[in-house]
Every structure is written in structure tokens, then in C-alpha cells.
Protein backbone atom coordinates (compact mmCIF):
# COMPACT_ATOMS: atom_id res chain seq x y z
CA UNK A 1 221.87 172.52 64.89
CA UNK A 2 222.24 174.54 67.82
CA UNK A 3 225.04 174.03 70.08
CA UNK A 4 224.28 173.59 73.77
CA UNK A 5 225.97 176.14 75.99
CA UNK A 6 227.34 174.68 79.27
CA UNK A 7 226.50 176.56 82.44
CA UNK A 8 229.41 176.44 84.96
CA UNK A 9 226.95 176.54 87.89
CA UNK A 10 225.13 173.40 86.71
CA UNK A 11 228.42 171.62 86.12
CA UNK A 12 229.68 172.31 89.68
CA UNK A 13 228.88 169.31 91.91
CA UNK A 14 229.14 171.23 95.21
CA UNK A 15 226.40 173.71 94.34
CA UNK A 16 223.97 171.28 92.77
CA UNK A 17 220.70 171.60 94.73
CA UNK A 18 220.04 167.85 95.15
CA UNK A 19 223.54 167.10 96.40
CA UNK A 20 223.42 170.09 98.75
CA UNK A 21 220.12 168.86 100.25
CA UNK A 22 221.56 165.36 100.80
CA UNK A 23 224.59 166.82 102.58
CA UNK A 24 222.39 168.92 104.90
CA UNK A 25 220.24 165.89 105.81
CA UNK A 26 223.30 163.71 106.55
CA UNK A 27 224.82 166.46 108.72
CA UNK A 28 221.58 166.90 110.69
CA UNK A 29 221.29 163.15 111.31
CA UNK A 30 224.93 162.97 112.48
CA UNK A 31 224.35 165.90 114.86
CA UNK A 32 221.24 164.26 116.36
CA UNK A 33 223.09 160.95 116.85
CA UNK A 34 225.99 162.76 118.54
CA UNK A 35 223.63 164.57 120.94
CA UNK A 36 221.89 161.30 121.83
CA UNK A 37 225.21 159.57 122.55
CA UNK A 38 226.46 162.42 124.76
CA UNK A 39 223.22 162.46 126.77
CA UNK A 40 223.28 158.68 127.14
CA UNK A 41 226.91 158.78 128.33
CA UNK A 42 226.18 161.51 130.87
CA UNK A 43 223.12 159.76 132.28
CA UNK A 44 224.68 156.32 132.44
CA UNK A 45 227.94 157.34 134.16
CA UNK A 46 226.23 159.10 137.04
CA UNK A 47 222.89 157.34 137.28
CA UNK A 48 224.04 153.72 137.11
CA UNK A 49 225.93 153.80 140.43
CA UNK A 50 222.97 155.24 142.28
CA UNK A 51 220.64 152.65 140.75
CA UNK A 52 222.87 149.77 141.86
CA UNK A 53 222.59 150.90 145.48
CA UNK A 54 226.08 152.43 145.72
CA UNK A 55 225.44 155.93 147.05
CA UNK A 56 228.54 157.75 145.81
CA UNK A 57 227.32 161.10 147.05
CA UNK A 58 226.23 159.99 150.52
CA UNK A 59 227.77 161.79 153.47
CA UNK A 60 229.79 158.74 154.49
CA UNK A 61 231.17 158.19 150.98
CA UNK A 62 232.19 161.85 150.66
CA UNK A 63 233.76 161.84 154.15
CA UNK A 64 235.73 158.68 153.29
CA UNK A 65 237.11 160.31 150.14
CA UNK A 66 238.08 163.49 151.98
CA UNK A 67 239.63 161.78 155.01
CA UNK A 68 243.40 162.16 155.41
CA UNK A 69 245.46 159.22 154.22
CA UNK A 70 247.83 159.32 157.20
CA UNK A 71 248.28 160.89 160.60
CA UNK A 72 251.53 162.13 162.14
CA UNK A 73 252.27 161.08 165.69
CA UNK A 74 255.22 162.66 167.48
CA UNK A 75 256.71 161.06 170.56
CA UNK A 76 257.51 163.93 172.89
CA UNK A 77 260.06 161.81 174.78
CA UNK A 78 262.06 160.85 171.69
CA UNK A 79 265.30 162.79 171.13
CA UNK A 80 265.04 165.21 168.23
CA UNK A 81 267.46 164.68 165.38
CA UNK A 82 267.80 167.46 162.82
CA UNK A 83 267.22 166.54 159.19
CA UNK A 84 270.26 166.17 156.93
CA UNK A 85 269.41 169.26 154.89
CA UNK A 86 268.23 171.32 157.86
CA UNK A 87 271.48 173.23 158.20
CA UNK A 88 271.06 174.72 154.74
CA UNK A 89 267.45 175.82 155.34
CA UNK A 90 266.81 179.56 154.89
CA UNK A 91 265.59 181.61 157.83
CA UNK A 92 262.02 181.77 156.53
CA UNK A 93 261.87 177.99 156.08
CA UNK A 94 261.53 177.27 159.80
CA UNK A 95 258.53 179.06 161.28
CA UNK A 96 257.96 179.07 165.01
CA UNK A 97 255.16 176.51 164.59
CA UNK A 98 257.71 173.99 163.27
CA UNK A 99 259.60 173.93 166.55
CA UNK A 100 258.44 170.98 168.63
CA UNK A 101 256.71 171.77 171.91
CA UNK A 102 258.46 171.11 175.16
CA UNK A 103 258.17 167.55 176.35
CA UNK A 104 255.96 166.91 179.37
CA UNK A 105 258.07 166.93 182.49
CA UNK A 106 260.81 168.82 180.67
CA UNK A 107 259.27 172.27 180.81
CA UNK A 108 261.80 174.19 182.78
CA UNK A 109 260.85 176.15 185.83
CA UNK A 110 262.82 178.86 187.55
CA UNK A 111 264.98 176.42 189.53
CA UNK A 112 265.84 173.89 186.83
CA UNK A 113 269.06 173.70 184.91
CA UNK A 114 269.49 175.27 181.50
CA UNK A 115 270.25 171.87 180.02
CA UNK A 116 266.65 170.62 180.32
CA UNK A 117 265.34 173.78 178.65
CA UNK A 118 268.01 173.50 175.95
CA UNK A 119 267.06 169.84 175.35
CA UNK A 120 263.35 170.60 175.11
CA UNK A 121 263.34 173.89 173.20
CA UNK A 122 266.72 175.02 171.87
CA UNK A 123 268.34 171.89 170.43
CA UNK A 124 266.02 171.92 167.40
CA UNK A 125 267.92 174.87 165.92
CA UNK A 126 271.12 175.27 167.96
CA UNK A 127 271.98 171.57 167.67
CA UNK A 128 272.42 171.78 163.89
CA UNK A 129 272.82 175.52 163.31
CA UNK A 130 269.47 175.87 161.55
CA UNK A 131 268.69 179.27 159.98
CA UNK A 132 271.95 180.81 161.18
CA UNK A 133 271.60 179.79 164.82
CA UNK A 134 275.04 179.39 166.43
CA UNK A 135 275.69 175.69 167.04
CA UNK A 136 275.94 174.43 170.57
CA UNK A 137 279.62 174.47 171.65
CA UNK A 138 280.87 176.39 168.55
CA UNK A 139 283.26 178.86 170.17
CA UNK A 140 283.86 180.89 166.99
CA UNK A 141 280.14 181.38 166.33
CA UNK A 142 279.35 182.29 169.94
CA UNK A 143 282.35 184.62 170.56
CA UNK A 144 280.85 187.80 169.01
CA UNK A 145 277.54 187.13 170.76
CA UNK A 146 279.19 186.52 174.16
CA UNK A 147 281.10 189.78 173.70
CA UNK A 148 277.77 191.66 173.67
CA UNK A 149 277.09 190.53 177.22
CA UNK A 150 274.64 188.19 178.87
CA UNK A 151 271.95 190.86 179.18
CA UNK A 152 271.87 191.28 175.39
CA UNK A 153 271.83 187.50 174.83
CA UNK A 154 269.03 187.07 177.36
CA UNK A 155 266.99 189.85 175.69
CA UNK A 156 267.48 188.28 172.24
CA UNK A 157 266.36 184.89 173.51
CA UNK A 158 263.32 186.30 175.32
CA UNK A 159 262.16 188.68 172.57
CA UNK A 160 263.41 186.78 169.50
CA UNK A 161 266.02 187.75 166.96
CA UNK A 162 266.27 187.03 163.22
CA UNK A 163 264.63 183.67 162.49
CA UNK A 164 264.44 182.78 166.20
CA UNK A 165 260.99 183.44 167.68
CA UNK A 166 260.64 184.71 171.25
CA UNK A 167 261.64 182.04 173.78
CA UNK A 168 262.59 179.75 170.89
CA UNK A 169 258.90 179.30 170.04
CA UNK A 170 258.09 177.98 173.53
CA UNK A 171 255.95 180.80 174.92
CA UNK A 172 255.05 178.75 178.02
CA UNK A 173 258.65 178.81 179.26
CA UNK A 174 259.38 181.11 182.19
CA UNK A 175 261.93 183.86 181.52
CA UNK A 176 264.32 182.34 184.07
CA UNK A 177 264.34 179.01 182.24
CA UNK A 178 265.17 180.71 178.93
CA UNK A 179 267.97 182.68 180.60
CA UNK A 180 269.30 179.46 182.16
CA UNK A 181 269.35 177.81 178.71
CA UNK A 182 271.27 180.78 177.27
CA UNK A 183 273.78 180.56 180.13
CA UNK A 184 274.13 176.81 179.51
CA UNK A 185 274.88 177.37 175.77
CA UNK A 186 277.32 180.21 176.55
CA UNK A 187 279.15 178.06 179.10
CA UNK A 188 279.53 175.27 176.52
CA UNK A 189 281.03 177.74 174.01
CA UNK A 190 283.74 179.08 176.35
């Protein structure tokens, strides 16, 4: 009797040709089913809304989605109150565009008092000391500036200095009105 010699390749289940063919067929069927499901999902999620009459990509629908959720309305006659954390704001945090425009009827002309110009343009920063601006009436903060002379203070206010833009961000103000506002703030600090 001859003894049968076992072949390790035939004994290995993973490399058996019939089992390998079955595995390939099952994998191919699973891949085809997956592709069909993905295509069906893609077509149904976009196409179903259009078919039901809801035009999600119409100009009106897109405009509605892109429209702002709120609008800001500023009352030019309301007194401005600085925010609680405004005094700690760095100089770069308050650009000239952030300064409110002068209220109608409050734009100073050459003959008006400095107070109206201060109220419409300067109080936004000098009222709270924003970005290093000397506070209105603070004698200690104004003393070194007053010592430089009114001509220097007027030039700084007209041309801008540090975080303060020229004319406090109110380019429409006449030079005389800006000078009158500086004189008003200096007088309050003496």
C-alpha cells in the first residue's frame, strides 16, 4: 500500500481555486450593489425636490438663502454710549470707519461752539478714553498735551495722531470746528 502524500497547497482553504472564485464573485456583486446605492442616493437627494416643484436652485431661492438675517439701524440723534470693554480696546481695534458720522444738524461750522463738534465726533473716543485718547476733563492726561501748546494740539487733531484719524474720522468737518472742539476739551481739563 502506498501512502498518500499530503500537498500543503491543496490543504490550504484560502488558496483553493473554487473558494477563491466564490470570494471574487461575492466581492464583485457587493461592489455593484454599493455603486447602485450611491448613484440612487445622489439622484434622489437632488432630483426629488425639483420634481416636486420646489425649485431649490431658482434665483429667488438662492437670494433668500444669501440674504442677511438682520440689518443694523443707527439713530443719529441718540447719544452715544461707549461699550463696557471699549476702554481696554487696543489702538488698532477702532478703525476710523467705526467712528459714527456726525449727526444731521450737528455738523459744526466755523461759528459753532466746540461742544457740538465734541458731541458729534469726539465723544466716541474721548468720552471713555478709547485707544489711549485722553478722557474729557482728565486734567492729568491732558496736562502734557496742553503743555505742547494749542497749535500742536490743533495740528494733531486735524492731521491725526496715533489711533486717532484726521479730524476724528469726520473728514467733512471744517478745520475751525475741529479746533473749537480741541479748545473745548482743553478748557474742560484746566
